[in-house]
Amino acid sequence: MSLHPVQAFLAGSGPDGAGRHLSQVLAFDDARIEGVHDFIQWCFPLREASLAVPGAPVLSRAEAEAIRGDPVALSGLRAALGRMTRFYAETDGWLRSHDHNHLRITRILTALSDLLGAEAAGEFHAFVTARNAGAGGPINPVSLRYWESALHKA
């Protein structure tokens, strides 16, 4: 039985749209995480098309169910979450009023809500909002509202 494309990527057995495997993306340094814009859609897939990256995968209901039932793909998703959490813990460039990372965080929260559940999404939300508060609250209220609503999208 063959895996769906995003499921295979998260499971470490298939490439993303640029031919990279999950292990290569997880090894990106912070500068590459910041500068490369076509990996996040594979690590945190959504059921809607990306407006930022045409041709990025759109998660079907069947593929979402397959990922939820695949312990290896879920492990890959958790590894991607760990890498992005480390990025947001160790960098401060996103802690400003407007930044493309705010959209990434909304994507991550939405994907986590859908694929890992409310608890995982809630933990990541608590982390990013605490980082924002610790920096004096520079992130704009609209982004914060998007993050909050992403917790309830599943």
N, C-alpha and C. Protein backbone atom coordinates (compact mmCIF):
# COMPACT_ATOMS: atom_id res chain seq x y z
N MET A 1 0.84 -1.18 0.00
CA MET A 1 0.00 0.00 0.00
C MET A 1 0.88 1.24 0.00
N SER A 2 0.66 2.15 -0.94
CA SER A 2 1.47 3.35 -1.00
C SER A 2 0.87 4.44 -0.12
N LEU A 3 1.74 5.29 0.38
CA LEU A 3 1.32 6.37 1.25
C LEU A 3 0.93 7.58 0.42
N HIS A 4 0.06 8.40 0.97
CA HIS A 4 -0.25 9.69 0.37
C HIS A 4 1.03 10.53 0.40
N PRO A 5 1.18 11.52 -0.50
CA PRO A 5 2.44 12.28 -0.58
C PRO A 5 2.86 12.98 0.71
N VAL A 6 1.96 13.70 1.37
CA VAL A 6 2.34 14.40 2.60
C VAL A 6 2.57 13.39 3.71
N GLN A 7 1.77 12.36 3.76
CA GLN A 7 1.98 11.30 4.74
C GLN A 7 3.36 10.68 4.57
N ALA A 8 3.75 10.40 3.34
CA ALA A 8 5.07 9.82 3.07
C ALA A 8 6.17 10.78 3.49
N PHE A 9 5.99 12.07 3.21
CA PHE A 9 6.99 13.07 3.63
C PHE A 9 7.13 13.07 5.14
N LEU A 10 6.01 13.15 5.85
CA LEU A 10 6.07 13.18 7.32
C LEU A 10 6.62 11.88 7.90
N ALA A 11 6.38 10.78 7.20
CA ALA A 11 6.90 9.48 7.65
C ALA A 11 8.37 9.30 7.31
N GLY A 12 8.93 10.25 6.55
CA GLY A 12 10.35 10.19 6.21
C GLY A 12 10.67 9.34 4.99
N SER A 13 9.64 8.88 4.29
CA SER A 13 9.89 7.98 3.16
C SER A 13 9.65 8.63 1.80
N GLY A 14 9.21 9.87 1.79
CA GLY A 14 8.96 10.54 0.52
C GLY A 14 9.43 11.98 0.55
N PRO A 15 9.65 12.56 -0.63
CA PRO A 15 10.13 13.94 -0.71
C PRO A 15 8.99 14.96 -0.69
N ASP A 16 9.34 16.19 -0.36
CA ASP A 16 8.39 17.29 -0.53
C ASP A 16 8.43 17.75 -1.99
N GLY A 17 7.79 18.82 -2.32
CA GLY A 17 7.72 19.29 -3.70
C GLY A 17 9.05 19.73 -4.28
N ALA A 18 10.02 20.02 -3.40
CA ALA A 18 11.35 20.43 -3.85
C ALA A 18 12.35 19.27 -3.80
N GLY A 19 11.86 18.05 -3.52
CA GLY A 19 12.73 16.88 -3.50
C GLY A 19 13.45 16.65 -2.18
N ARG A 20 13.12 17.41 -1.14
CA ARG A 20 13.76 17.25 0.17
C ARG A 20 12.99 16.25 1.01
N HIS A 21 13.72 15.54 1.85
CA HIS A 21 13.09 14.65 2.82
C HIS A 21 12.98 15.38 4.16
N LEU A 22 12.10 14.88 5.01
CA LEU A 22 11.88 15.50 6.31
C LEU A 22 13.18 15.67 7.09
N SER A 23 14.04 14.67 7.05
CA SER A 23 15.30 14.76 7.80
C SER A 23 16.13 15.96 7.34
N GLN A 24 16.08 16.29 6.06
CA GLN A 24 16.83 17.44 5.55
C GLN A 24 16.20 18.74 6.03
N VAL A 25 14.89 18.81 6.04
CA VAL A 25 14.21 20.02 6.52
C VAL A 25 14.48 20.21 8.01
N LEU A 26 14.42 19.14 8.76
CA LEU A 26 14.66 19.24 10.20
C LEU A 26 16.09 19.70 10.51
N ALA A 27 17.00 19.47 9.58
CA ALA A 27 18.40 19.88 9.76
C ALA A 27 18.66 21.33 9.32
N PHE A 28 17.65 22.01 8.78
CA PHE A 28 17.84 23.42 8.40
C PHE A 28 18.32 24.21 9.60
N ASP A 29 19.27 25.11 9.37
CA ASP A 29 19.63 26.04 10.44
C ASP A 29 18.58 27.15 10.48
N ASP A 30 18.67 28.02 11.48
CA ASP A 30 17.65 29.05 11.65
C ASP A 30 17.56 29.98 10.44
N ALA A 31 18.68 30.30 9.81
CA ALA A 31 18.65 31.18 8.64
C ALA A 31 17.86 30.54 7.50
N ARG A 32 18.00 29.23 7.31
CA ARG A 32 17.23 28.55 6.26
C ARG A 32 15.76 28.45 6.63
N ILE A 33 15.49 28.19 7.90
CA ILE A 33 14.09 28.18 8.34
C ILE A 33 13.45 29.53 8.01
N GLU A 34 14.16 30.60 8.30
CA GLU A 34 13.65 31.94 8.04
C GLU A 34 13.53 32.23 6.55
N GLY A 35 14.48 31.79 5.77
CA GLY A 35 14.56 32.20 4.37
C GLY A 35 13.88 31.30 3.36
N VAL A 36 13.65 30.06 3.69
CA VAL A 36 13.01 29.12 2.76
C VAL A 36 11.51 29.12 3.05
N HIS A 37 10.71 29.27 2.00
CA HIS A 37 9.28 29.47 2.22
C HIS A 37 8.39 28.34 1.71
N ASP A 38 8.98 27.25 1.22
CA ASP A 38 8.14 26.20 0.64
C ASP A 38 8.19 24.87 1.39
N PHE A 39 8.68 24.88 2.61
CA PHE A 39 8.71 23.63 3.38
C PHE A 39 7.59 23.54 4.40
N ILE A 40 7.14 24.67 4.90
CA ILE A 40 6.19 24.68 6.01
C ILE A 40 4.86 24.03 5.63
N GLN A 41 4.49 24.14 4.34
CA GLN A 41 3.24 23.56 3.87
C GLN A 41 3.28 22.03 3.89
N TRP A 42 4.47 21.46 3.78
CA TRP A 42 4.63 20.01 3.85
C TRP A 42 4.71 19.53 5.28
N CYS A 43 5.35 20.30 6.13
CA CYS A 43 5.47 19.92 7.54
C CYS A 43 4.16 20.08 8.28
N PHE A 44 3.37 21.09 7.89
CA PHE A 44 2.11 21.40 8.57
C PHE A 44 1.02 21.61 7.52
N PRO A 45 0.55 20.51 6.94
CA PRO A 45 -0.41 20.61 5.83
C PRO A 45 -1.79 21.05 6.29
N LEU A 46 -2.46 21.77 5.39
CA LEU A 46 -3.82 22.24 5.65
C LEU A 46 -4.77 21.72 4.58
N ARG A 47 -6.03 21.86 4.85
CA ARG A 47 -7.07 21.44 3.90
C ARG A 47 -7.41 22.53 2.91
N GLU A 48 -6.69 23.65 2.97
CA GLU A 48 -6.92 24.74 2.02
C GLU A 48 -5.61 25.08 1.33
N ALA A 49 -5.73 25.61 0.13
CA ALA A 49 -4.55 25.95 -0.66
C ALA A 49 -3.78 27.09 -0.02
N SER A 50 -2.47 27.03 -0.15
CA SER A 50 -1.60 28.10 0.31
C SER A 50 -1.68 29.27 -0.65
N LEU A 51 -1.88 30.46 -0.11
CA LEU A 51 -1.86 31.66 -0.95
C LEU A 51 -0.43 32.11 -1.20
N ALA A 52 0.50 31.70 -0.33
CA ALA A 52 1.89 32.13 -0.43
C ALA A 52 2.72 31.25 -1.36
N VAL A 53 2.39 29.97 -1.44
CA VAL A 53 3.19 29.03 -2.23
C VAL A 53 2.27 28.24 -3.16
N PRO A 54 2.08 28.73 -4.39
CA PRO A 54 1.25 28.00 -5.35
C PRO A 54 1.81 26.58 -5.57
N GLY A 55 0.92 25.63 -5.66
CA GLY A 55 1.33 24.25 -5.88
C GLY A 55 1.66 23.48 -4.61
N ALA A 56 1.59 24.15 -3.47
CA ALA A 56 1.81 23.45 -2.20
C ALA A 56 0.68 22.45 -1.99
N PRO A 57 0.96 21.38 -1.26
CA PRO A 57 -0.08 20.35 -1.11
C PRO A 57 -1.29 20.85 -0.34
N VAL A 58 -2.44 20.31 -0.70
CA VAL A 58 -3.69 20.55 0.01
C VAL A 58 -4.09 19.20 0.60
N LEU A 59 -4.28 19.18 1.88
CA LEU A 59 -4.56 17.94 2.59
C LEU A 59 -6.01 17.51 2.36
N SER A 60 -6.19 16.32 1.85
CA SER A 60 -7.54 15.78 1.68
C SER A 60 -7.98 15.14 2.99
N ARG A 61 -9.26 14.92 3.10
CA ARG A 61 -9.81 14.26 4.30
C ARG A 61 -9.17 12.87 4.46
N ALA A 62 -9.05 12.15 3.35
CA ALA A 62 -8.48 10.80 3.40
C ALA A 62 -7.02 10.83 3.86
N GLU A 63 -6.26 11.81 3.36
CA GLU A 63 -4.86 11.89 3.76
C GLU A 63 -4.74 12.31 5.22
N ALA A 64 -5.59 13.21 5.69
CA ALA A 64 -5.57 13.60 7.10
C ALA A 64 -5.85 12.38 7.98
N GLU A 65 -6.83 11.58 7.60
CA GLU A 65 -7.15 10.37 8.37
C GLU A 65 -5.98 9.39 8.34
N ALA A 66 -5.33 9.27 7.19
CA ALA A 66 -4.18 8.37 7.07
C ALA A 66 -3.04 8.84 7.96
N ILE A 67 -2.78 10.13 8.00
CA ILE A 67 -1.71 10.67 8.86
C ILE A 67 -2.06 10.42 10.32
N ARG A 68 -3.29 10.71 10.71
CA ARG A 68 -3.71 10.49 12.11
C ARG A 68 -3.56 9.04 12.53
N GLY A 69 -3.67 8.12 11.58
CA GLY A 69 -3.55 6.70 11.89
C GLY A 69 -2.16 6.12 11.69
N ASP A 70 -1.20 6.96 11.36
CA ASP A 70 0.16 6.50 11.05
C ASP A 70 1.13 7.01 12.12
N PRO A 71 1.55 6.13 13.05
CA PRO A 71 2.44 6.57 14.12
C PRO A 71 3.76 7.16 13.62
N VAL A 72 4.25 6.68 12.49
CA VAL A 72 5.52 7.19 11.96
C VAL A 72 5.32 8.61 11.42
N ALA A 73 4.24 8.84 10.69
CA ALA A 73 3.95 10.19 10.18
C ALA A 73 3.69 11.16 11.33
N LEU A 74 2.99 10.71 12.35
CA LEU A 74 2.74 11.56 13.52
C LEU A 74 4.05 11.89 14.24
N SER A 75 4.95 10.95 14.28
CA SER A 75 6.26 11.21 14.87
C SER A 75 7.01 12.27 14.07
N GLY A 76 6.91 12.20 12.74
CA GLY A 76 7.52 13.21 11.89
C GLY A 76 6.91 14.58 12.10
N LEU A 77 5.59 14.62 12.25
CA LEU A 77 4.90 15.88 12.54
C LEU A 77 5.38 16.46 13.87
N ARG A 78 5.52 15.62 14.86
CA ARG A 78 6.02 16.08 16.17
C ARG A 78 7.46 16.57 16.07
N ALA A 79 8.26 15.92 15.24
CA ALA A 79 9.65 16.36 15.04
C ALA A 79 9.67 17.73 14.37
N ALA A 80 8.79 17.94 13.38
CA ALA A 80 8.70 19.25 12.73
C ALA A 80 8.25 20.32 13.74
N LEU A 81 7.30 19.96 14.59
CA LEU A 81 6.86 20.87 15.64
C LEU A 81 8.01 21.21 16.58
N GLY A 82 8.79 20.22 16.94
CA GLY A 82 9.94 20.46 17.80
C GLY A 82 10.94 21.41 17.16
N ARG A 83 11.18 21.24 15.86
CA ARG A 83 12.13 22.12 15.18
C ARG A 83 11.61 23.55 15.12
N MET A 84 10.33 23.72 14.81
CA MET A 84 9.78 25.06 14.74
C MET A 84 9.68 25.69 16.13
N THR A 85 9.40 24.91 17.13
CA THR A 85 9.38 25.44 18.50
C THR A 85 10.76 25.94 18.88
N ARG A 86 11.78 25.18 18.54
CA ARG A 86 13.15 25.61 18.82
C ARG A 86 13.47 26.91 18.07
N PHE A 87 13.05 26.99 16.80
CA PHE A 87 13.27 28.21 16.02
C PHE A 87 12.62 29.41 16.71
N TYR A 88 11.38 29.28 17.14
CA TYR A 88 10.69 30.40 17.77
C TYR A 88 11.21 30.69 19.17
N ALA A 89 11.82 29.70 19.80
CA ALA A 89 12.43 29.93 21.12
C ALA A 89 13.77 30.65 21.00
N GLU A 90 14.50 30.37 19.93
CA GLU A 90 15.88 30.85 19.82
C GLU A 90 16.04 32.08 18.94
N THR A 91 14.98 32.51 18.27
CA THR A 91 15.06 33.70 17.41
C THR A 91 14.04 34.72 17.87
N ASP A 92 14.30 35.98 17.57
CA ASP A 92 13.41 37.06 18.00
C ASP A 92 12.86 37.88 16.83
N GLY A 93 13.31 37.62 15.60
CA GLY A 93 12.90 38.44 14.47
C GLY A 93 11.41 38.44 14.22
N TRP A 94 10.73 37.39 14.62
CA TRP A 94 9.28 37.28 14.42
C TRP A 94 8.48 38.04 15.47
N LEU A 95 9.18 38.48 16.53
CA LEU A 95 8.52 39.19 17.62
C LEU A 95 8.44 40.68 17.30
N ARG A 96 7.59 40.99 16.33
CA ARG A 96 7.33 42.36 15.91
C ARG A 96 5.89 42.43 15.41
N SER A 97 5.44 43.62 15.11
CA SER A 97 4.04 43.81 14.77
C SER A 97 3.59 42.94 13.59
N HIS A 98 4.35 42.94 12.51
CA HIS A 98 3.99 42.18 11.32
C HIS A 98 5.19 41.38 10.84
N ASP A 99 4.98 40.10 10.59
CA ASP A 99 6.06 39.23 10.12
C ASP A 99 5.42 37.99 9.48
N HIS A 100 6.06 37.48 8.44
CA HIS A 100 5.53 36.29 7.76
C HIS A 100 5.43 35.09 8.70
N ASN A 101 6.21 35.07 9.75
CA ASN A 101 6.12 33.96 10.71
C ASN A 101 4.78 33.91 11.43
N HIS A 102 4.08 35.01 11.49
CA HIS A 102 2.76 34.99 12.11
C HIS A 102 1.82 34.10 11.31
N LEU A 103 1.94 34.16 9.97
CA LEU A 103 1.15 33.27 9.12
C LEU A 103 1.57 31.82 9.30
N ARG A 104 2.87 31.60 9.44
CA ARG A 104 3.36 30.24 9.68
C ARG A 104 2.80 29.69 10.98
N ILE A 105 2.76 30.52 12.01
CA ILE A 105 2.25 30.07 13.31
C ILE A 105 0.78 29.72 13.20
N THR A 106 0.01 30.51 12.46
CA THR A 106 -1.40 30.18 12.24
C THR A 106 -1.52 28.83 11.55
N ARG A 107 -0.68 28.59 10.54
CA ARG A 107 -0.68 27.31 9.82
C ARG A 107 -0.34 26.17 10.78
N ILE A 108 0.69 26.35 11.57
CA ILE A 108 1.11 25.29 12.50
C ILE A 108 -0.03 24.98 13.47
N LEU A 109 -0.64 26.00 14.04
CA LEU A 109 -1.74 25.78 14.99
C LEU A 109 -2.91 25.06 14.33
N THR A 110 -3.25 25.44 13.10
CA THR A 110 -4.36 24.81 12.40
C THR A 110 -4.05 23.35 12.11
N ALA A 111 -2.85 23.07 11.62
CA ALA A 111 -2.47 21.68 11.32
C ALA A 111 -2.42 20.84 12.60
N LEU A 112 -1.88 21.40 13.66
CA LEU A 112 -1.83 20.65 14.92
C LEU A 112 -3.23 20.34 15.42
N SER A 113 -4.12 21.32 15.36
CA SER A 113 -5.50 21.09 15.80
C SER A 113 -6.13 19.94 15.02
N ASP A 114 -5.87 19.91 13.72
CA ASP A 114 -6.46 18.90 12.85
C ASP A 114 -5.81 17.53 13.03
N LEU A 115 -4.49 17.49 13.10
CA LEU A 115 -3.79 16.20 13.03
C LEU A 115 -3.34 15.64 14.38
N LEU A 116 -3.01 16.51 15.32
CA LEU A 116 -2.55 16.02 16.63
C LEU A 116 -3.55 16.29 17.75
N GLY A 117 -4.46 17.21 17.52
CA GLY A 117 -5.50 17.47 18.51
C GLY A 117 -5.31 18.76 19.28
N ALA A 118 -6.33 19.06 20.06
CA ALA A 118 -6.41 20.32 20.79
C ALA A 118 -5.28 20.50 21.80
N GLU A 119 -4.87 19.45 22.45
CA GLU A 119 -3.83 19.58 23.47
C GLU A 119 -2.51 20.05 22.86
N ALA A 120 -2.08 19.42 21.78
CA ALA A 120 -0.82 19.81 21.12
C ALA A 120 -0.91 21.24 20.61
N ALA A 121 -2.03 21.59 19.99
CA ALA A 121 -2.21 22.95 19.49
C ALA A 121 -2.20 23.95 20.64
N GLY A 122 -2.88 23.60 21.71
CA GLY A 122 -2.92 24.48 22.88
C GLY A 122 -1.56 24.72 23.50
N GLU A 123 -0.75 23.68 23.55
CA GLU A 123 0.60 23.82 24.11
C GLU A 123 1.46 24.75 23.25
N PHE A 124 1.38 24.60 21.92
CA PHE A 124 2.16 25.47 21.04
C PHE A 124 1.63 26.90 21.12
N HIS A 125 0.33 27.06 21.18
CA HIS A 125 -0.27 28.40 21.32
C HIS A 125 0.21 29.05 22.61
N ALA A 126 0.20 28.31 23.70
CA ALA A 126 0.67 28.86 24.98
C ALA A 126 2.14 29.29 24.87
N PHE A 127 2.94 28.50 24.18
CA PHE A 127 4.35 28.82 24.01
C PHE A 127 4.54 30.12 23.24
N VAL A 128 3.91 30.25 22.05
CA VAL A 128 4.14 31.45 21.23
C VAL A 128 3.54 32.69 21.88
N THR A 129 2.41 32.55 22.55
CA THR A 129 1.84 33.72 23.21
C THR A 129 2.67 34.14 24.42
N ALA A 130 3.27 33.18 25.10
CA ALA A 130 4.16 33.52 26.22
C ALA A 130 5.42 34.22 25.70
N ARG A 131 5.95 33.77 24.57
CA ARG A 131 7.12 34.45 23.98
C ARG A 131 6.76 35.88 23.62
N ASN A 132 5.58 36.07 23.04
CA ASN A 132 5.11 37.41 22.70
C ASN A 132 4.99 38.27 23.96
N ALA A 133 4.36 37.74 25.00
CA ALA A 133 4.20 38.50 26.24
C ALA A 133 5.56 38.84 26.85
N GLY A 134 6.48 37.89 26.82
CA GLY A 134 7.81 38.11 27.37
C GLY A 134 8.60 39.17 26.62
N ALA A 135 8.23 39.40 25.36
CA ALA A 135 8.90 40.42 24.54
C ALA A 135 8.17 41.76 24.62
N GLY A 136 7.19 41.86 25.48
CA GLY A 136 6.46 43.11 25.62
C GLY A 136 5.22 43.21 24.76
N GLY A 137 4.81 42.11 24.13
CA GLY A 137 3.58 42.07 23.34
C GLY A 137 3.62 42.81 22.02
N PRO A 138 4.68 42.64 21.23
CA PRO A 138 4.77 43.40 19.97
C PRO A 138 3.87 42.89 18.85
N ILE A 139 3.38 41.67 18.93
CA ILE A 139 2.60 41.09 17.82
C ILE A 139 1.22 41.72 17.76
N ASN A 140 0.80 42.05 16.55
CA ASN A 140 -0.46 42.76 16.36
C ASN A 140 -1.67 41.93 16.79
N PRO A 141 -2.73 42.59 17.24
CA PRO A 141 -3.92 41.87 17.72
C PRO A 141 -4.59 40.99 16.68
N VAL A 142 -4.50 41.36 15.41
CA VAL A 142 -5.13 40.54 14.36
C VAL A 142 -4.45 39.17 14.29
N SER A 143 -3.12 39.15 14.30
CA SER A 143 -2.41 37.87 14.29
C SER A 143 -2.77 37.04 15.51
N LEU A 144 -2.83 37.67 16.66
CA LEU A 144 -3.18 36.95 17.88
C LEU A 144 -4.58 36.36 17.79
N ARG A 145 -5.51 37.07 17.17
CA ARG A 145 -6.87 36.53 16.99
C ARG A 145 -6.87 35.35 16.03
N TYR A 146 -6.07 35.44 14.96
CA TYR A 146 -5.96 34.30 14.03
C TYR A 146 -5.42 33.08 14.76
N TRP A 147 -4.42 33.29 15.61
CA TRP A 147 -3.86 32.16 16.35
C TRP A 147 -4.92 31.53 17.24
N GLU A 148 -5.67 32.36 17.93
CA GLU A 148 -6.72 31.86 18.81
C GLU A 148 -7.77 31.08 18.02
N SER A 149 -8.19 31.63 16.88
CA SER A 149 -9.23 30.95 16.10
C SER A 149 -8.71 29.65 15.48
N ALA A 150 -7.41 29.57 15.21
CA ALA A 150 -6.83 28.34 14.64
C ALA A 150 -6.97 27.17 15.60
N LEU A 151 -7.08 27.45 16.87
CA LEU A 151 -7.23 26.38 17.86
C LEU A 151 -8.58 25.67 17.71
N HIS A 152 -9.50 26.29 17.04
CA HIS A 152 -10.86 25.77 16.96
C HIS A 152 -11.25 25.39 15.53
N LYS A 153 -10.26 25.21 14.65
CA LYS A 153 -10.55 24.95 13.23
C LYS A 153 -10.71 23.47 12.89
N ALA A 154 -10.30 22.59 13.74
CA ALA A 154 -10.34 21.16 13.41
C ALA A 154 -11.76 20.65 13.25
